[in-house]
Amino acid sequence: MNRNAVLILLATGATVAFAFILTVVWQAIFWAVVLGVLFRPVMKWMETRLSGRHGIAAALTVLLIIVFVLIPIFVLGSMILAEGASFYARIQSGEVDPNATFRRLQGLLLPEIDHWLTGVGIDLGSITERLQAAVLRGGEFVLSLLLGAGQNAAAFVINFFLTLYLLFFIFRDGDGIYRAIFQAVPLPDDQKQRLFGKFAEVSIATLKGTAIIGLVQGALGGTIFAILGIGGSVFWGAVMALVSVVPAVGSALVWVPAALILMAGGAWIKGVILLAYGVLVISMADNLLRPVVVGRQASMPDYLVLVSTIGGLGVLGLSGFVLGPAIAALFVVVWKLFSEEHVLR
């Protein structure tokens, strides 16, 4: 074996081994990189103001992120968890009765429609039972999340501080790290620039787009809930902001059931208003903003953003809503590079 083959084998083996030992902390590394890329302009502005003092500028930028980004997110998250626990407790105590709601929903159907559905093989009774079971499982899932958050508090704290620790060095030494990785990748410079640039572009577009869409939909949803007198409007607005990470469906997971429950309770006007507002305003905000701030900036079609986001969330958890589209974008770029090389040959 020649020296190049030996070096390639050693590099491959070392990389695989190193990646294996980093599997426990990969999310901390990933979020440190994403935050470093996203807030790099802030770091550069701070560095200019401090006459090129990299260390101080990096530390102050991390402090700004903690104060103005992370602390508000944690406060909002704690409010959502508390409201979720309270809602589950109300279901357990019987104050909120999902069975009564489903019975009212079934009663909205005319007998003729009920008879026709039965004739085509649709059993509303079994559907209702399944929906009831789904609600109960959903409540148990929320409770398991609450318990899991408490049990995994130590791991979360470790990952949180590790992310901030790595973020400081990414800000301070990021240019040098980027040059070292860039030089080590065995591809022509123009191809490496396309690969690295696409990852940064898609990550920033996805993160910024998700934040903007979530804030807009959460504010719109919480406002209409408050106007219609639906309890916990701030909480449900926050939930809509969170579920908006799923393209195409998003906040409809909240306002559609809420509208049906209003109509089942006899509040037809409120239910219709909420449905119309959801379709014409909340969903329209998603349809207008997502292609502009995610798909267009990431240079990816909407359907690819949708499937990669859902797939990323399913496989990688919360980090998948950024990493899923980034992997999809790299997949597209790599195959474009491959096809171009094939055509040139």
C-alpha atoms as a PDB file:
ATOM      1  CA  MET A   1       0.000   0.000   0.000  1.00  0.00           C
ATOM      2  CA  ASN A   2       1.323   3.446  -0.843  1.00  0.00           C
ATOM      3  CA  ARG A   3       1.502   6.280   1.632  1.00  0.00           C
ATOM      4  CA  ASN A   4      -1.656   8.001   0.338  1.00  0.00           C
ATOM      5  CA  ALA A   5      -3.726   4.862   0.827  1.00  0.00           C
ATOM      6  CA  VAL A   6      -2.405   4.457   4.376  1.00  0.00           C
ATOM      7  CA  LEU A   7      -3.167   8.102   5.175  1.00  0.00           C
ATOM      8  CA  ILE A   8      -6.695   7.756   3.769  1.00  0.00           C
ATOM      9  CA  LEU A   9      -7.340   4.648   5.877  1.00  0.00           C
ATOM     10  CA  LEU A  10      -5.946   6.333   8.999  1.00  0.00           C
ATOM     11  CA  ALA A  11      -7.953   9.495   8.375  1.00  0.00           C
ATOM     12  CA  THR A  12     -11.136   7.485   7.787  1.00  0.00           C
ATOM     13  CA  GLY A  13     -10.652   5.336  10.876  1.00  0.00           C
ATOM     14  CA  ALA A  14      -9.802   8.310  13.082  1.00  0.00           C
ATOM     15  CA  THR A  15     -12.797  10.260  11.781  1.00  0.00           C
ATOM     16  CA  VAL A  16     -15.225   7.382  12.383  1.00  0.00           C
ATOM     17  CA  ALA A  17     -13.851   6.812  15.891  1.00  0.00           C
ATOM     18  CA  PHE A  18     -13.976  10.529  16.710  1.00  0.00           C
ATOM     19  CA  ALA A  19     -17.530  10.828  15.377  1.00  0.00           C
ATOM     20  CA  PHE A  20     -18.550   7.842  17.514  1.00  0.00           C
ATOM     21  CA  ILE A  21     -17.321   9.389  20.756  1.00  0.00           C
ATOM     22  CA  LEU A  22     -19.061  12.674  19.881  1.00  0.00           C
ATOM     23  CA  THR A  23     -22.485  11.059  19.434  1.00  0.00           C
ATOM     24  CA  VAL A  24     -23.436  11.950  23.017  1.00  0.00           C
ATOM     25  CA  VAL A  25     -22.740  15.672  22.538  1.00  0.00           C
ATOM     26  CA  TRP A  26     -23.472  16.132  18.834  1.00  0.00           C
ATOM     27  CA  GLN A  27     -26.512  18.330  19.485  1.00  0.00           C
ATOM     28  CA  ALA A  28     -24.467  20.741  21.597  1.00  0.00           C
ATOM     29  CA  ILE A  29     -21.869  20.947  18.817  1.00  0.00           C
ATOM     30  CA  PHE A  30     -24.524  21.383  16.138  1.00  0.00           C
ATOM     31  CA  TRP A  31     -26.360  24.192  17.932  1.00  0.00           C
ATOM     32  CA  ALA A  32     -23.098  25.934  18.761  1.00  0.00           C
ATOM     33  CA  VAL A  33     -22.203  25.914  15.042  1.00  0.00           C
ATOM     34  CA  VAL A  34     -25.675  27.093  13.987  1.00  0.00           C
ATOM     35  CA  LEU A  35     -25.731  29.907  16.552  1.00  0.00           C
ATOM     36  CA  GLY A  36     -22.177  30.826  15.592  1.00  0.00           C
ATOM     37  CA  VAL A  37     -23.135  31.161  11.929  1.00  0.00           C
ATOM     38  CA  LEU A  38     -26.397  32.947  12.703  1.00  0.00           C
ATOM     39  CA  PHE A  39     -24.906  35.537  15.060  1.00  0.00           C
ATOM     40  CA  ARG A  40     -21.572  35.966  13.269  1.00  0.00           C
ATOM     41  CA  PRO A  41     -22.563  39.465  12.025  1.00  0.00           C
ATOM     42  CA  VAL A  42     -23.210  40.509  15.635  1.00  0.00           C
ATOM     43  CA  MET A  43     -19.813  39.134  16.634  1.00  0.00           C
ATOM     44  CA  LYS A  44     -18.080  41.017  13.799  1.00  0.00           C
ATOM     45  CA  TRP A  45     -19.866  44.245  14.739  1.00  0.00           C
ATOM     46  CA  MET A  46     -18.832  43.794  18.356  1.00  0.00           C
ATOM     47  CA  GLU A  47     -15.260  43.034  17.285  1.00  0.00           C
ATOM     48  CA  THR A  48     -15.099  46.251  15.248  1.00  0.00           C
ATOM     49  CA  ARG A  49     -16.382  48.265  18.205  1.00  0.00           C
ATOM     50  CA  LEU A  50     -13.723  46.726  20.457  1.00  0.00           C
ATOM     51  CA  SER A  51     -10.830  47.358  18.045  1.00  0.00           C
ATOM     52  CA  GLY A  52     -10.324  43.712  17.104  1.00  0.00           C
ATOM     53  CA  ARG A  53     -10.303  42.174  20.602  1.00  0.00           C
ATOM     54  CA  HIS A  54     -11.559  38.723  19.617  1.00  0.00           C
ATOM     55  CA  GLY A  55     -11.885  37.201  23.085  1.00  0.00           C
ATOM     56  CA  ILE A  56     -13.818  40.071  24.661  1.00  0.00           C
ATOM     57  CA  ALA A  57     -16.057  40.412  21.600  1.00  0.00           C
ATOM     58  CA  ALA A  58     -16.809  36.675  21.647  1.00  0.00           C
ATOM     59  CA  ALA A  59     -17.650  36.699  25.360  1.00  0.00           C
ATOM     60  CA  LEU A  60     -19.942  39.731  25.033  1.00  0.00           C
ATOM     61  CA  THR A  61     -21.733  38.205  22.034  1.00  0.00           C
ATOM     62  CA  VAL A  62     -22.400  34.996  23.976  1.00  0.00           C
ATOM     63  CA  LEU A  63     -23.711  37.119  26.868  1.00  0.00           C
ATOM     64  CA  LEU A  64     -26.052  38.992  24.531  1.00  0.00           C
ATOM     65  CA  ILE A  65     -27.399  35.694  23.164  1.00  0.00           C
ATOM     66  CA  ILE A  66     -28.029  34.433  26.700  1.00  0.00           C
ATOM     67  CA  VAL A  67     -29.860  37.583  27.804  1.00  0.00           C
ATOM     68  CA  PHE A  68     -31.910  38.396  24.715  1.00  0.00           C
ATOM     69  CA  VAL A  69     -32.484  34.954  23.150  1.00  0.00           C
ATOM     70  CA  LEU A  70     -32.035  32.010  25.505  1.00  0.00           C
ATOM     71  CA  ILE A  71     -33.538  33.411  28.718  1.00  0.00           C
ATOM     72  CA  PRO A  72     -36.799  34.532  26.991  1.00  0.00           C
ATOM     73  CA  ILE A  73     -37.043  31.085  25.340  1.00  0.00           C
ATOM     74  CA  PHE A  74     -36.624  29.346  28.711  1.00  0.00           C
ATOM     75  CA  VAL A  75     -39.211  31.588  30.376  1.00  0.00           C
ATOM     76  CA  LEU A  76     -41.719  30.913  27.601  1.00  0.00           C
ATOM     77  CA  GLY A  77     -40.937  27.191  27.705  1.00  0.00           C
ATOM     78  CA  SER A  78     -41.531  27.009  31.447  1.00  0.00           C
ATOM     79  CA  MET A  79     -44.873  28.781  31.016  1.00  0.00           C
ATOM     80  CA  ILE A  80     -45.897  26.292  28.326  1.00  0.00           C
ATOM     81  CA  LEU A  81     -44.903  23.317  30.486  1.00  0.00           C
ATOM     82  CA  ALA A  82     -46.807  24.712  33.468  1.00  0.00           C
ATOM     83  CA  GLU A  83     -49.942  25.345  31.409  1.00  0.00           C
ATOM     84  CA  GLY A  84     -49.652  21.897  29.817  1.00  0.00           C
ATOM     85  CA  ALA A  85     -49.440  20.248  33.230  1.00  0.00           C
ATOM     86  CA  SER A  86     -52.422  22.275  34.416  1.00  0.00           C
ATOM     87  CA  PHE A  87     -54.504  21.288  31.368  1.00  0.00           C
ATOM     88  CA  TYR A  88     -53.655  17.604  31.858  1.00  0.00           C
ATOM     89  CA  ALA A  89     -54.600  17.872  35.545  1.00  0.00           C
ATOM     90  CA  ARG A  90     -57.972  19.348  34.546  1.00  0.00           C
ATOM     91  CA  ILE A  91     -58.587  16.365  32.253  1.00  0.00           C
ATOM     92  CA  GLN A  92     -57.636  13.957  35.041  1.00  0.00           C
ATOM     93  CA  SER A  93     -59.936  15.696  37.528  1.00  0.00           C
ATOM     94  CA  GLY A  94     -62.864  15.682  35.098  1.00  0.00           C
ATOM     95  CA  GLU A  95     -63.093  19.461  34.815  1.00  0.00           C
ATOM     96  CA  VAL A  96     -62.331  19.047  31.108  1.00  0.00           C
ATOM     97  CA  ASP A  97     -64.241  16.108  29.630  1.00  0.00           C
ATOM     98  CA  PRO A  98     -63.029  15.020  26.171  1.00  0.00           C
ATOM     99  CA  ASN A  99     -65.820  12.418  25.979  1.00  0.00           C
ATOM    100  CA  ALA A 100     -68.516  15.095  26.244  1.00  0.00           C
ATOM    101  CA  THR A 101     -66.800  17.147  23.568  1.00  0.00           C
ATOM    102  CA  PHE A 102     -66.669  14.211  21.159  1.00  0.00           C
ATOM    103  CA  ARG A 103     -70.313  13.405  21.827  1.00  0.00           C
ATOM    104  CA  ARG A 104     -71.256  16.992  21.000  1.00  0.00           C
ATOM    105  CA  LEU A 105     -69.174  16.830  17.824  1.00  0.00           C
ATOM    106  CA  GLN A 106     -70.938  13.629  16.800  1.00  0.00           C
ATOM    107  CA  GLY A 107     -74.293  15.237  17.585  1.00  0.00           C
ATOM    108  CA  LEU A 108     -73.554  18.006  15.079  1.00  0.00           C
ATOM    109  CA  LEU A 109     -74.003  15.503  12.246  1.00  0.00           C
ATOM    110  CA  LEU A 110     -77.501  15.150  10.897  1.00  0.00           C
ATOM    111  CA  PRO A 111     -79.051  11.666  11.283  1.00  0.00           C
ATOM    112  CA  GLU A 112     -79.126  11.306   7.486  1.00  0.00           C
ATOM    113  CA  ILE A 113     -75.373  11.943   7.266  1.00  0.00           C
ATOM    114  CA  ASP A 114     -74.744   9.546  10.147  1.00  0.00           C
ATOM    115  CA  HIS A 115     -76.814   6.868   8.403  1.00  0.00           C
ATOM    116  CA  TRP A 116     -75.018   7.455   5.076  1.00  0.00           C
ATOM    117  CA  LEU A 117     -71.595   7.182   6.733  1.00  0.00           C
ATOM    118  CA  THR A 118     -72.635   3.924   8.373  1.00  0.00           C
ATOM    119  CA  GLY A 119     -73.773   2.647   4.989  1.00  0.00           C
ATOM    120  CA  VAL A 120     -70.349   3.232   3.439  1.00  0.00           C
ATOM    121  CA  GLY A 121     -68.615   1.458   6.301  1.00  0.00           C
ATOM    122  CA  ILE A 122     -67.654   4.431   8.522  1.00  0.00           C
ATOM    123  CA  ASP A 123     -68.469   3.742  12.167  1.00  0.00           C
ATOM    124  CA  LEU A 124     -68.597   7.063  14.012  1.00  0.00           C
ATOM    125  CA  GLY A 125     -68.731   5.263  17.329  1.00  0.00           C
ATOM    126  CA  SER A 126     -65.390   3.555  16.798  1.00  0.00           C
ATOM    127  CA  ILE A 127     -63.883   6.775  15.456  1.00  0.00           C
ATOM    128  CA  THR A 128     -65.041   8.613  18.559  1.00  0.00           C
ATOM    129  CA  GLU A 129     -63.533   5.947  20.808  1.00  0.00           C
ATOM    130  CA  ARG A 130     -60.236   6.193  18.959  1.00  0.00           C
ATOM    131  CA  LEU A 131     -60.236   9.983  19.233  1.00  0.00           C
ATOM    132  CA  GLN A 132     -60.902   9.721  22.950  1.00  0.00           C
ATOM    133  CA  ALA A 133     -58.012   7.290  23.326  1.00  0.00           C
ATOM    134  CA  ALA A 134     -55.809   9.617  21.285  1.00  0.00           C
ATOM    135  CA  VAL A 135     -56.607  12.546  23.581  1.00  0.00           C
ATOM    136  CA  LEU A 136     -55.780  10.478  26.654  1.00  0.00           C
ATOM    137  CA  ARG A 137     -52.548   9.256  25.075  1.00  0.00           C
ATOM    138  CA  GLY A 138     -51.731  12.854  24.218  1.00  0.00           C
ATOM    139  CA  GLY A 139     -52.196  13.855  27.836  1.00  0.00           C
ATOM    140  CA  GLU A 140     -50.004  10.989  28.971  1.00  0.00           C
ATOM    141  CA  PHE A 141     -47.401  12.066  26.400  1.00  0.00           C
ATOM    142  CA  VAL A 142     -47.388  15.618  27.799  1.00  0.00           C
ATOM    143  CA  LEU A 143     -46.983  14.215  31.301  1.00  0.00           C
ATOM    144  CA  SER A 144     -44.112  11.991  30.148  1.00  0.00           C
ATOM    145  CA  LEU A 145     -42.416  15.034  28.634  1.00  0.00           C
ATOM    146  CA  LEU A 146     -42.722  16.868  31.929  1.00  0.00           C
ATOM    147  CA  LEU A 147     -41.323  13.916  33.857  1.00  0.00           C
ATOM    148  CA  GLY A 148     -38.594  13.417  31.266  1.00  0.00           C
ATOM    149  CA  ALA A 149     -37.608  17.059  31.469  1.00  0.00           C
ATOM    150  CA  GLY A 150     -37.102  16.697  35.201  1.00  0.00           C
ATOM    151  CA  GLN A 151     -35.248  13.391  34.943  1.00  0.00           C
ATOM    152  CA  ASN A 152     -32.950  14.643  32.161  1.00  0.00           C
ATOM    153  CA  ALA A 153     -32.345  18.037  33.744  1.00  0.00           C
ATOM    154  CA  ALA A 154     -28.681  17.224  34.410  1.00  0.00           C
ATOM    155  CA  ALA A 155     -28.038  16.212  30.780  1.00  0.00           C
ATOM    156  CA  PHE A 156     -29.849  19.322  29.544  1.00  0.00           C
ATOM    157  CA  VAL A 157     -27.798  21.613  31.781  1.00  0.00           C
ATOM    158  CA  ILE A 158     -24.556  19.950  30.659  1.00  0.00           C
ATOM    159  CA  ASN A 159     -25.482  20.298  26.973  1.00  0.00           C
ATOM    160  CA  PHE A 160     -26.601  23.889  27.496  1.00  0.00           C
ATOM    161  CA  PHE A 161     -23.334  25.016  29.060  1.00  0.00           C
ATOM    162  CA  LEU A 162     -21.322  22.936  26.589  1.00  0.00           C
ATOM    163  CA  THR A 163     -23.099  24.732  23.734  1.00  0.00           C
ATOM    164  CA  LEU A 164     -22.248  28.137  25.219  1.00  0.00           C
ATOM    165  CA  TYR A 165     -18.657  27.042  25.878  1.00  0.00           C
ATOM    166  CA  LEU A 166     -18.203  25.860  22.282  1.00  0.00           C
ATOM    167  CA  LEU A 167     -20.005  28.933  20.968  1.00  0.00           C
ATOM    168  CA  PHE A 168     -17.398  31.179  22.574  1.00  0.00           C
ATOM    169  CA  PHE A 169     -14.561  29.388  20.758  1.00  0.00           C
ATOM    170  CA  ILE A 170     -16.508  29.332  17.486  1.00  0.00           C
ATOM    171  CA  PHE A 171     -16.852  33.101  17.734  1.00  0.00           C
ATOM    172  CA  ARG A 172     -13.240  33.617  18.775  1.00  0.00           C
ATOM    173  CA  ASP A 173     -11.510  31.052  16.558  1.00  0.00           C
ATOM    174  CA  GLY A 174     -14.206  30.404  13.956  1.00  0.00           C
ATOM    175  CA  ASP A 175     -12.298  31.829  11.001  1.00  0.00           C
ATOM    176  CA  GLY A 176      -9.275  29.641  11.708  1.00  0.00           C
ATOM    177  CA  ILE A 177     -11.411  26.526  12.259  1.00  0.00           C
ATOM    178  CA  TYR A 178     -13.255  27.170   9.001  1.00  0.00           C
ATOM    179  CA  ARG A 179     -10.006  27.577   7.043  1.00  0.00           C
ATOM    180  CA  ALA A 180      -8.565  24.374   8.506  1.00  0.00           C
ATOM    181  CA  ILE A 181     -11.669  22.331   7.634  1.00  0.00           C
ATOM    182  CA  PHE A 182     -11.929  23.988   4.232  1.00  0.00           C
ATOM    183  CA  GLN A 183      -8.339  23.095   3.349  1.00  0.00           C
ATOM    184  CA  ALA A 184      -8.701  19.510   4.596  1.00  0.00           C
ATOM    185  CA  VAL A 185     -11.707  18.652   2.376  1.00  0.00           C
ATOM    186  CA  PRO A 186     -10.304  16.966  -0.777  1.00  0.00           C
ATOM    187  CA  LEU A 187     -12.376  18.895  -3.347  1.00  0.00           C
ATOM    188  CA  PRO A 188     -11.749  21.863  -5.643  1.00  0.00           C
ATOM    189  CA  ASP A 189     -12.183  25.239  -3.948  1.00  0.00           C
ATOM    190  CA  ASP A 190     -15.302  26.206  -5.916  1.00  0.00           C
ATOM    191  CA  GLN A 191     -17.068  22.965  -4.944  1.00  0.00           C
ATOM    192  CA  LYS A 192     -16.095  23.345  -1.302  1.00  0.00           C
ATOM    193  CA  GLN A 193     -17.439  26.888  -1.283  1.00  0.00           C
ATOM    194  CA  ARG A 194     -20.754  25.677  -2.667  1.00  0.00           C
ATOM    195  CA  LEU A 195     -21.027  22.917  -0.048  1.00  0.00           C
ATOM    196  CA  PHE A 196     -20.053  25.066   2.942  1.00  0.00           C
ATOM    197  CA  GLY A 197     -22.062  28.013   1.694  1.00  0.00           C
ATOM    198  CA  LYS A 198     -25.196  25.917   1.162  1.00  0.00           C
ATOM    199  CA  PHE A 199     -25.059  24.469   4.699  1.00  0.00           C
ATOM    200  CA  ALA A 200     -24.737  27.932   6.243  1.00  0.00           C
ATOM    201  CA  GLU A 201     -27.392  29.407   3.946  1.00  0.00           C
ATOM    202  CA  VAL A 202     -29.997  26.726   4.611  1.00  0.00           C
ATOM    203  CA  SER A 203     -29.332  26.607   8.377  1.00  0.00           C
ATOM    204  CA  ILE A 204     -29.722  30.365   8.734  1.00  0.00           C
ATOM    205  CA  ALA A 205     -32.777  30.524   6.456  1.00  0.00           C
ATOM    206  CA  THR A 206     -34.495  27.644   8.292  1.00  0.00           C
ATOM    207  CA  LEU A 207     -33.775  28.989  11.769  1.00  0.00           C
ATOM    208  CA  LYS A 208     -34.712  32.587  10.958  1.00  0.00           C
ATOM    209  CA  GLY A 209     -37.729  31.529   8.936  1.00  0.00           C
ATOM    210  CA  THR A 210     -39.037  29.199  11.626  1.00  0.00           C
ATOM    211  CA  ALA A 211     -38.610  31.885  14.288  1.00  0.00           C
ATOM    212  CA  ILE A 212     -40.358  34.558  12.207  1.00  0.00           C
ATOM    213  CA  ILE A 213     -43.221  32.286  11.127  1.00  0.00           C
ATOM    214  CA  GLY A 214     -43.646  30.968  14.663  1.00  0.00           C
ATOM    215  CA  LEU A 215     -43.808  34.444  16.198  1.00  0.00           C
ATOM    216  CA  VAL A 216     -46.269  35.696  13.569  1.00  0.00           C
ATOM    217  CA  GLN A 217     -48.580  32.673  13.760  1.00  0.00           C
ATOM    218  CA  GLY A 218     -48.390  32.540  17.554  1.00  0.00           C
ATOM    219  CA  ALA A 219     -49.254  36.239  17.830  1.00  0.00           C
ATOM    220  CA  LEU A 220     -52.111  35.966  15.317  1.00  0.00           C
ATOM    221  CA  GLY A 221     -53.496  32.819  16.948  1.00  0.00           C
ATOM    222  CA  GLY A 222     -53.182  34.107  20.505  1.00  0.00           C
ATOM    223  CA  THR A 223     -54.886  37.377  19.509  1.00  0.00           C
ATOM    224  CA  ILE A 224     -57.953  35.702  17.978  1.00  0.00           C
ATOM    225  CA  PHE A 225     -58.196  33.321  20.954  1.00  0.00           C
ATOM    226  CA  ALA A 226     -58.211  36.325  23.314  1.00  0.00           C
ATOM    227  CA  ILE A 227     -60.811  38.171  21.210  1.00  0.00           C
ATOM    228  CA  LEU A 228     -63.104  35.114  21.166  1.00  0.00           C
ATOM    229  CA  GLY A 229     -62.697  34.650  24.914  1.00  0.00           C
ATOM    230  CA  ILE A 230     -60.911  31.295  24.724  1.00  0.00           C
ATOM    231  CA  GLY A 231     -59.054  30.607  27.954  1.00  0.00           C
ATOM    232  CA  GLY A 232     -55.245  30.424  27.993  1.00  0.00           C
ATOM    233  CA  SER A 233     -54.818  32.521  24.844  1.00  0.00           C
ATOM    234  CA  VAL A 234     -51.164  33.241  25.626  1.00  0.00           C
ATOM    235  CA  PHE A 235     -50.464  29.550  26.184  1.00  0.00           C
ATOM    236  CA  TRP A 236     -52.234  28.440  23.006  1.00  0.00           C
ATOM    237  CA  GLY A 237     -50.497  31.182  21.060  1.00  0.00           C
ATOM    238  CA  ALA A 238     -47.168  29.803  22.281  1.00  0.00           C
ATOM    239  CA  VAL A 239     -48.213  26.275  21.325  1.00  0.00           C
ATOM    240  CA  MET A 240     -49.136  27.469  17.817  1.00  0.00           C
ATOM    241  CA  ALA A 241     -45.740  29.148  17.550  1.00  0.00           C
ATOM    242  CA  LEU A 242     -44.043  25.865  18.475  1.00  0.00           C
ATOM    243  CA  VAL A 243     -46.029  23.578  16.164  1.00  0.00           C
ATOM    244  CA  SER A 244     -45.538  26.015  13.272  1.00  0.00           C
ATOM    245  CA  VAL A 245     -42.150  24.327  12.686  1.00  0.00           C
ATOM    246  CA  VAL A 246     -44.104  21.675  10.733  1.00  0.00           C
ATOM    247  CA  PRO A 247     -44.785  23.127   7.264  1.00  0.00           C
ATOM    248  CA  ALA A 248     -48.241  22.913   5.674  1.00  0.00           C
ATOM    249  CA  VAL A 249     -49.938  21.732   8.913  1.00  0.00           C
ATOM    250  CA  GLY A 250     -48.370  23.739  11.732  1.00  0.00           C
ATOM    251  CA  SER A 251     -50.708  25.861  13.841  1.00  0.00           C
ATOM    252  CA  ALA A 252     -53.793  24.251  12.281  1.00  0.00           C
ATOM    253  CA  LEU A 253     -53.199  21.427  14.767  1.00  0.00           C
ATOM    254  CA  VAL A 254     -54.458  23.894  17.399  1.00  0.00           C
ATOM    255  CA  TRP A 255     -57.006  26.236  15.825  1.00  0.00           C
ATOM    256  CA  VAL A 256     -58.951  23.596  13.817  1.00  0.00           C
ATOM    257  CA  PRO A 257     -59.814  21.447  16.893  1.00  0.00           C
ATOM    258  CA  ALA A 258     -60.548  24.628  18.863  1.00  0.00           C
ATOM    259  CA  ALA A 259     -63.036  25.773  16.216  1.00  0.00           C
ATOM    260  CA  LEU A 260     -64.728  22.349  16.174  1.00  0.00           C
ATOM    261  CA  ILE A 261     -64.984  22.329  19.961  1.00  0.00           C
ATOM    262  CA  LEU A 262     -66.560  25.815  19.915  1.00  0.00           C
ATOM    263  CA  MET A 263     -69.168  24.682  17.389  1.00  0.00           C
ATOM    264  CA  ALA A 264     -69.791  21.486  19.350  1.00  0.00           C
ATOM    265  CA  GLY A 265     -70.501  23.606  22.409  1.00  0.00           C
ATOM    266  CA  GLY A 266     -73.065  25.680  20.534  1.00  0.00           C
ATOM    267  CA  ALA A 267     -70.806  28.693  19.863  1.00  0.00           C
ATOM    268  CA  TRP A 268     -71.319  28.442  16.104  1.00  0.00           C
ATOM    269  CA  ILE A 269     -70.454  32.056  15.329  1.00  0.00           C
ATOM    270  CA  LYS A 270     -67.185  31.920  17.261  1.00  0.00           C
ATOM    271  CA  GLY A 271     -66.296  28.591  15.678  1.00  0.00           C
ATOM    272  CA  VAL A 272     -66.929  29.838  12.148  1.00  0.00           C
ATOM    273  CA  ILE A 273     -65.001  33.051  12.849  1.00  0.00           C
ATOM    274  CA  LEU A 274     -62.042  31.049  14.148  1.00  0.00           C
ATOM    275  CA  LEU A 275     -62.113  28.702  11.132  1.00  0.00           C
ATOM    276  CA  ALA A 276     -62.292  31.603   8.678  1.00  0.00           C
ATOM    277  CA  TYR A 277     -59.561  33.510  10.499  1.00  0.00           C
ATOM    278  CA  GLY A 278     -57.381  30.423  10.610  1.00  0.00           C
ATOM    279  CA  VAL A 279     -57.730  29.733   6.892  1.00  0.00           C
ATOM    280  CA  LEU A 280     -57.556  33.320   5.633  1.00  0.00           C
ATOM    281  CA  VAL A 281     -55.095  34.867   8.084  1.00  0.00           C
ATOM    282  CA  ILE A 282     -53.030  32.362  10.102  1.00  0.00           C
ATOM    283  CA  SER A 283     -52.491  29.831   7.316  1.00  0.00           C
ATOM    284  CA  MET A 284     -52.040  32.577   4.748  1.00  0.00           C
ATOM    285  CA  ALA A 285     -49.237  34.026   6.858  1.00  0.00           C
ATOM    286  CA  ASP A 286     -47.483  30.646   6.706  1.00  0.00           C
ATOM    287  CA  ASN A 287     -48.082  30.272   2.960  1.00  0.00           C
ATOM    288  CA  LEU A 288     -46.760  33.768   2.253  1.00  0.00           C
ATOM    289  CA  LEU A 289     -43.805  33.839   4.638  1.00  0.00           C
ATOM    290  CA  ARG A 290     -42.379  30.309   4.421  1.00  0.00           C
ATOM    291  CA  PRO A 291     -41.440  30.377   0.712  1.00  0.00           C
ATOM    292  CA  VAL A 292     -39.888  33.827   1.168  1.00  0.00           C
ATOM    293  CA  VAL A 293     -37.848  33.268   4.330  1.00  0.00           C
ATOM    294  CA  VAL A 294     -37.110  29.524   3.998  1.00  0.00           C
ATOM    295  CA  GLY A 295     -37.649  28.038   0.560  1.00  0.00           C
ATOM    296  CA  ARG A 296     -36.490  31.006  -1.514  1.00  0.00           C
ATOM    297  CA  GLN A 297     -33.424  31.802   0.595  1.00  0.00           C
ATOM    298  CA  ALA A 298     -32.514  28.140   0.761  1.00  0.00           C
ATOM    299  CA  SER A 299     -33.100  27.746  -2.996  1.00  0.00           C
ATOM    300  CA  MET A 300     -35.209  24.640  -2.376  1.00  0.00           C
ATOM    301  CA  PRO A 301     -38.757  23.820  -3.485  1.00  0.00           C
ATOM    302  CA  ASP A 302     -41.464  23.943  -0.838  1.00  0.00           C
ATOM    303  CA  TYR A 303     -42.164  20.200  -0.974  1.00  0.00           C
ATOM    304  CA  LEU A 304     -38.497  19.418  -0.246  1.00  0.00           C
ATOM    305  CA  VAL A 305     -38.520  21.801   2.724  1.00  0.00           C
ATOM    306  CA  LEU A 306     -41.695  20.074   3.982  1.00  0.00           C
ATOM    307  CA  VAL A 307     -40.541  16.455   3.753  1.00  0.00           C
ATOM    308  CA  SER A 308     -37.028  17.185   5.044  1.00  0.00           C
ATOM    309  CA  THR A 309     -38.405  19.137   8.024  1.00  0.00           C
ATOM    310  CA  ILE A 310     -40.878  16.407   8.990  1.00  0.00           C
ATOM    311  CA  GLY A 311     -38.261  13.705   8.436  1.00  0.00           C
ATOM    312  CA  GLY A 312     -35.677  15.626  10.447  1.00  0.00           C
ATOM    313  CA  LEU A 313     -38.066  16.119  13.364  1.00  0.00           C
ATOM    314  CA  GLY A 314     -38.984  12.432  13.325  1.00  0.00           C
ATOM    315  CA  VAL A 315     -35.407  11.124  13.228  1.00  0.00           C
ATOM    316  CA  LEU A 316     -33.368  13.775  15.034  1.00  0.00           C
ATOM    317  CA  GLY A 317     -35.880  15.438  17.334  1.00  0.00           C
ATOM    318  CA  LEU A 318     -35.899  19.213  17.807  1.00  0.00           C
ATOM    319  CA  SER A 319     -32.573  19.686  16.035  1.00  0.00           C
ATOM    320  CA  GLY A 320     -34.063  18.061  12.945  1.00  0.00           C
ATOM    321  CA  PHE A 321     -36.109  21.108  11.957  1.00  0.00           C
ATOM    322  CA  VAL A 322     -32.808  22.796  11.033  1.00  0.00           C
ATOM    323  CA  LEU A 323     -30.638  19.786  10.256  1.00  0.00           C
ATOM    324  CA  GLY A 324     -33.265  18.079   8.061  1.00  0.00           C
ATOM    325  CA  PRO A 325     -33.445  20.857   5.432  1.00  0.00           C
ATOM    326  CA  ALA A 326     -29.658  21.373   5.678  1.00  0.00           C
ATOM    327  CA  ILE A 327     -29.040  17.695   4.882  1.00  0.00           C
ATOM    328  CA  ALA A 328     -31.555  17.885   2.026  1.00  0.00           C
ATOM    329  CA  ALA A 329     -29.787  20.943   0.606  1.00  0.00           C
ATOM    330  CA  LEU A 330     -26.383  19.238   0.828  1.00  0.00           C
ATOM    331  CA  PHE A 331     -27.892  16.179  -0.880  1.00  0.00           C
ATOM    332  CA  VAL A 332     -29.079  18.354  -3.776  1.00  0.00           C
ATOM    333  CA  VAL A 333     -25.759  20.201  -4.064  1.00  0.00           C
ATOM    334  CA  VAL A 334     -23.644  17.026  -3.919  1.00  0.00           C
ATOM    335  CA  TRP A 335     -25.664  15.376  -6.672  1.00  0.00           C
ATOM    336  CA  LYS A 336     -25.480  18.532  -8.771  1.00  0.00           C
ATOM    337  CA  LEU A 337     -21.706  18.520  -8.377  1.00  0.00           C
ATOM    338  CA  PHE A 338     -21.605  14.840  -9.259  1.00  0.00           C
ATOM    339  CA  SER A 339     -23.728  15.302 -12.368  1.00  0.00           C
ATOM    340  CA  GLU A 340     -21.634  18.279 -13.460  1.00  0.00           C
ATOM    341  CA  GLU A 341     -18.424  16.261 -13.077  1.00  0.00           C
ATOM    342  CA  HIS A 342     -20.007  13.364 -14.976  1.00  0.00           C
ATOM    343  CA  VAL A 343     -21.062  15.662 -17.819  1.00  0.00           C
ATOM    344  CA  LEU A 344     -17.631  17.275 -18.008  1.00  0.00           C
ATOM    345  CA  ARG A 345     -16.000  13.866 -18.373  1.00  0.00           C
END
